[in-house]
Amino acid sequence: MDVDILVLADRIGVFVFALSGGIAAVRKEMDIFGVIVLAFLPAVGGGTLRDILLDVPVFWLEDNISLMLAAAGGLAAFFFYKFIENFRPLRWADAVGLALFCVTGAQKAAFLEHSFVVVPIMGVMTASAGGLIRDVVANQDPLLLKEDIYATAALLGALVYAVLWFLGVSSPIAFAAGFVAAFVLRALAIVFKLKAPVARL
């Protein structure tokens, strides 16, 4: 059951991150190929890097549905951009993907019996590395490197999962708690424009 949850969450995360990448590409007036390419970067970028570092098969090599969902997210952004944009979903889709990916990354490392230090690192990497690549390719300021609370939310979610996992809490409960923690912090940052502290010159 835990494996099924992990796969399902990965696929949902792939789609919503692909949607956010596709929307960013449409805003940059890219053609349909560019939109799909940019959709793939956040959708599979972080998970690819995670799996390479964990020395396991890259998830989309064994789960081609993830590739189709990434393409579907890009196509949805391309063809239904005006409809989607009316709901201003980019940050919210990104928030859902962030919360899902930080916990799935942490969970995968935990299932492979990595240490308490490695588990949250893999969660943060899964959630934020792909978005960083997306922003760089789209030539926009990376959310990860700004004071906007982003990677901090991923770290919180991954840490909540890791703490509960190593305390012996069941994986589905730890997963749900980590997801809620990451999403709530990111949502609060979006609604109330919360910022992380930065050095002042």
Protein backbone atom coordinates (compact mmCIF):
# COMPACT_ATOMS: atom_id res chain seq x y z
CA MET A 1 0.00 0.00 0.00
CA ASP A 2 2.85 2.39 0.86
CA VAL A 3 4.39 1.85 -2.57
CA ASP A 4 1.02 2.58 -4.24
CA ILE A 5 0.71 5.83 -2.27
CA LEU A 6 4.23 6.82 -3.28
CA VAL A 7 3.55 6.18 -6.97
CA LEU A 8 0.19 7.99 -6.91
CA ALA A 9 1.64 11.00 -5.11
CA ASP A 10 4.58 11.14 -7.52
CA ARG A 11 2.19 11.15 -10.48
CA ILE A 12 0.00 13.90 -9.05
CA GLY A 13 3.09 15.93 -8.26
CA VAL A 14 4.41 15.42 -11.78
CA PHE A 15 1.21 16.78 -13.32
CA VAL A 16 0.86 19.87 -11.14
CA PHE A 17 4.54 20.75 -11.46
CA ALA A 18 4.29 20.25 -15.23
CA LEU A 19 1.29 22.57 -15.23
CA SER A 20 3.26 25.24 -13.38
CA GLY A 21 6.17 24.85 -15.79
CA GLY A 22 3.85 25.03 -18.77
CA ILE A 23 2.17 28.19 -17.50
CA ALA A 24 5.56 29.82 -16.95
CA ALA A 25 6.49 28.92 -20.55
CA VAL A 26 3.27 30.34 -21.99
CA ARG A 27 3.89 33.59 -20.11
CA LYS A 28 7.28 33.73 -21.85
CA GLU A 29 5.46 33.26 -25.19
CA MET A 30 7.23 29.98 -26.00
CA ASP A 31 5.94 27.73 -28.76
CA ILE A 32 4.26 24.40 -28.01
CA PHE A 33 7.57 22.52 -27.98
CA GLY A 34 9.07 25.02 -25.57
CA VAL A 35 6.02 24.77 -23.31
CA ILE A 36 6.27 21.00 -23.12
CA VAL A 37 10.03 21.10 -22.51
CA LEU A 38 9.61 23.62 -19.70
CA ALA A 39 6.78 21.54 -18.26
CA PHE A 40 9.10 18.53 -18.02
CA LEU A 41 11.80 20.35 -16.06
CA PRO A 42 9.95 20.84 -12.75
CA ALA A 43 7.91 17.68 -13.27
CA VAL A 44 10.80 15.22 -13.42
CA GLY A 45 13.95 17.27 -12.73
CA GLY A 46 14.03 17.01 -8.94
CA GLY A 47 13.02 13.36 -8.88
CA THR A 48 15.64 12.51 -11.49
CA LEU A 49 18.41 14.12 -9.46
CA ARG A 50 17.13 12.41 -6.30
CA ASP A 51 17.15 8.96 -7.88
CA ILE A 52 20.62 9.44 -9.35
CA LEU A 53 21.99 10.38 -5.93
CA LEU A 54 20.14 7.52 -4.23
CA ASP A 55 21.59 5.16 -6.87
CA VAL A 56 18.20 3.73 -7.86
CA PRO A 57 16.52 3.55 -11.28
CA VAL A 58 15.20 6.97 -12.31
CA PHE A 59 11.48 6.82 -11.59
CA TRP A 60 10.22 7.83 -15.03
CA LEU A 61 12.23 5.09 -16.75
CA GLU A 62 9.99 2.54 -15.04
CA ASP A 63 6.86 4.68 -14.87
CA ASN A 64 6.16 6.03 -18.34
CA ILE A 65 2.80 7.31 -17.12
CA SER A 66 4.76 10.07 -15.37
CA LEU A 67 6.15 11.17 -18.73
CA MET A 68 2.66 11.22 -20.23
CA LEU A 69 1.35 13.23 -17.28
CA ALA A 70 4.21 15.72 -17.65
CA ALA A 71 3.35 16.15 -21.33
CA ALA A 72 -0.34 16.43 -20.45
CA GLY A 73 0.42 19.19 -17.96
CA GLY A 74 2.33 21.11 -20.60
CA LEU A 75 -0.41 20.68 -23.20
CA ALA A 76 -3.09 21.72 -20.70
CA ALA A 77 -1.14 24.89 -19.97
CA PHE A 78 -0.69 25.59 -23.69
CA PHE A 79 -4.28 25.06 -24.83
CA PHE A 80 -6.18 26.21 -21.72
CA TYR A 81 -3.87 28.93 -20.46
CA LYS A 82 -6.51 31.69 -20.51
CA PHE A 83 -9.03 29.55 -18.65
CA ILE A 84 -6.47 28.41 -16.09
CA GLU A 85 -4.98 31.88 -15.71
CA ASN A 86 -8.35 33.28 -14.64
CA PHE A 87 -7.87 31.30 -11.44
CA ARG A 88 -4.24 32.43 -11.11
CA PRO A 89 -3.17 28.87 -10.31
CA LEU A 90 0.59 28.94 -10.85
CA ARG A 91 1.62 29.47 -7.26
CA TRP A 92 -1.10 27.16 -5.94
CA ALA A 93 -0.29 24.37 -8.38
CA ASP A 94 3.33 24.86 -7.47
CA ALA A 95 2.45 24.72 -3.75
CA VAL A 96 0.64 21.40 -4.16
CA GLY A 97 3.53 19.98 -6.17
CA LEU A 98 6.03 21.27 -3.62
CA ALA A 99 4.17 19.64 -0.73
CA LEU A 100 3.77 16.35 -2.56
CA PHE A 101 7.31 16.14 -3.85
CA CYS A 102 9.05 17.05 -0.59
CA VAL A 103 7.29 14.17 1.15
CA THR A 104 7.62 11.63 -1.68
CA GLY A 105 11.34 12.39 -1.88
CA ALA A 106 11.74 11.98 1.86
CA GLN A 107 9.65 8.82 1.81
CA LYS A 108 11.72 7.23 -0.94
CA ALA A 109 14.93 7.86 0.99
CA ALA A 110 13.31 6.52 4.18
CA PHE A 111 12.16 3.33 2.41
CA LEU A 112 15.77 2.84 1.29
CA GLU A 113 16.82 3.08 4.96
CA HIS A 114 18.86 6.24 4.70
CA SER A 115 19.70 8.32 7.75
CA PHE A 116 17.64 11.05 9.39
CA VAL A 117 19.91 13.65 7.78
CA VAL A 118 19.60 12.27 4.24
CA VAL A 119 15.82 11.80 4.29
CA PRO A 120 14.84 15.50 4.49
CA ILE A 121 17.65 16.50 2.11
CA MET A 122 16.19 14.20 -0.54
CA GLY A 123 12.77 15.69 0.13
CA VAL A 124 13.93 19.25 -0.40
CA MET A 125 15.88 18.27 -3.51
CA THR A 126 12.91 16.48 -5.04
CA ALA A 127 10.62 19.43 -4.41
CA SER A 128 12.84 22.33 -5.40
CA ALA A 129 15.56 21.27 -7.85
CA GLY A 130 13.22 20.95 -10.83
CA GLY A 131 11.61 24.32 -10.14
CA LEU A 132 15.05 25.90 -9.91
CA ILE A 133 15.95 24.51 -13.34
CA ARG A 134 12.59 25.71 -14.73
CA ASP A 135 13.13 29.25 -13.51
CA VAL A 136 16.68 29.42 -14.84
CA VAL A 137 15.63 28.16 -18.29
CA ALA A 138 12.64 30.55 -18.32
CA ASN A 139 15.03 33.39 -17.44
CA GLN A 140 13.14 34.43 -14.33
CA ASP A 141 14.25 34.87 -10.73
CA PRO A 142 14.31 31.41 -9.09
CA LEU A 143 11.82 31.19 -6.24
CA LEU A 144 14.33 29.00 -4.41
CA LEU A 145 16.90 31.81 -4.22
CA LYS A 146 14.54 34.60 -3.15
CA GLU A 147 13.35 35.48 0.31
CA ASP A 148 9.93 34.12 -0.64
CA ILE A 149 9.27 31.07 1.58
CA TYR A 150 9.63 28.11 -0.78
CA ALA A 151 12.43 25.67 -0.01
CA THR A 152 11.75 26.38 3.68
CA ALA A 153 8.27 24.92 3.25
CA ALA A 154 9.73 21.85 1.54
CA LEU A 155 12.23 21.44 4.36
CA LEU A 156 9.47 21.67 6.97
CA GLY A 157 7.36 19.02 5.22
CA ALA A 158 10.30 16.67 4.75
CA LEU A 159 11.40 17.15 8.37
CA VAL A 160 7.91 16.44 9.70
CA TYR A 161 7.82 13.24 7.67
CA ALA A 162 11.33 12.23 8.79
CA VAL A 163 10.66 12.87 12.48
CA LEU A 164 7.42 10.88 12.44
CA TRP A 165 8.96 8.06 10.38
CA PHE A 166 11.91 7.63 12.72
CA LEU A 167 9.55 7.75 15.71
CA GLY A 168 7.77 4.72 14.25
CA VAL A 169 4.62 6.44 12.99
CA SER A 170 3.03 4.69 10.01
CA SER A 171 4.11 6.00 6.63
CA PRO A 172 0.64 7.14 5.45
CA ILE A 173 0.17 9.25 8.59
CA ALA A 174 3.70 10.66 8.35
CA PHE A 175 3.09 11.37 4.66
CA ALA A 176 -0.16 13.24 5.32
CA ALA A 177 1.38 15.26 8.17
CA GLY A 178 4.39 16.23 6.08
CA PHE A 179 2.21 17.22 3.15
CA VAL A 180 -0.06 19.38 5.30
CA ALA A 181 2.89 21.06 7.03
CA ALA A 182 4.57 21.98 3.75
CA PHE A 183 1.39 23.10 2.03
CA VAL A 184 0.12 25.18 4.94
CA LEU A 185 3.43 27.04 5.32
CA ARG A 186 3.62 27.69 1.57
CA ALA A 187 -0.04 28.76 1.51
CA LEU A 188 0.51 31.17 4.39
CA ALA A 189 3.51 32.60 2.55
CA ILE A 190 1.39 33.15 -0.57
CA VAL A 191 -1.64 34.65 1.20
CA PHE A 192 0.18 36.81 3.71
CA LYS A 193 3.31 37.45 1.60
CA LEU A 194 5.56 36.03 4.29
CA LYS A 195 9.26 36.39 3.68
CA ALA A 196 12.31 34.64 5.04
CA PRO A 197 14.86 36.98 6.61
CA VAL A 198 17.67 38.26 4.38
CA ALA A 199 20.87 40.11 5.13
CA ARG A 200 20.48 43.86 4.78
CA LEU A 201 23.30 45.88 3.27
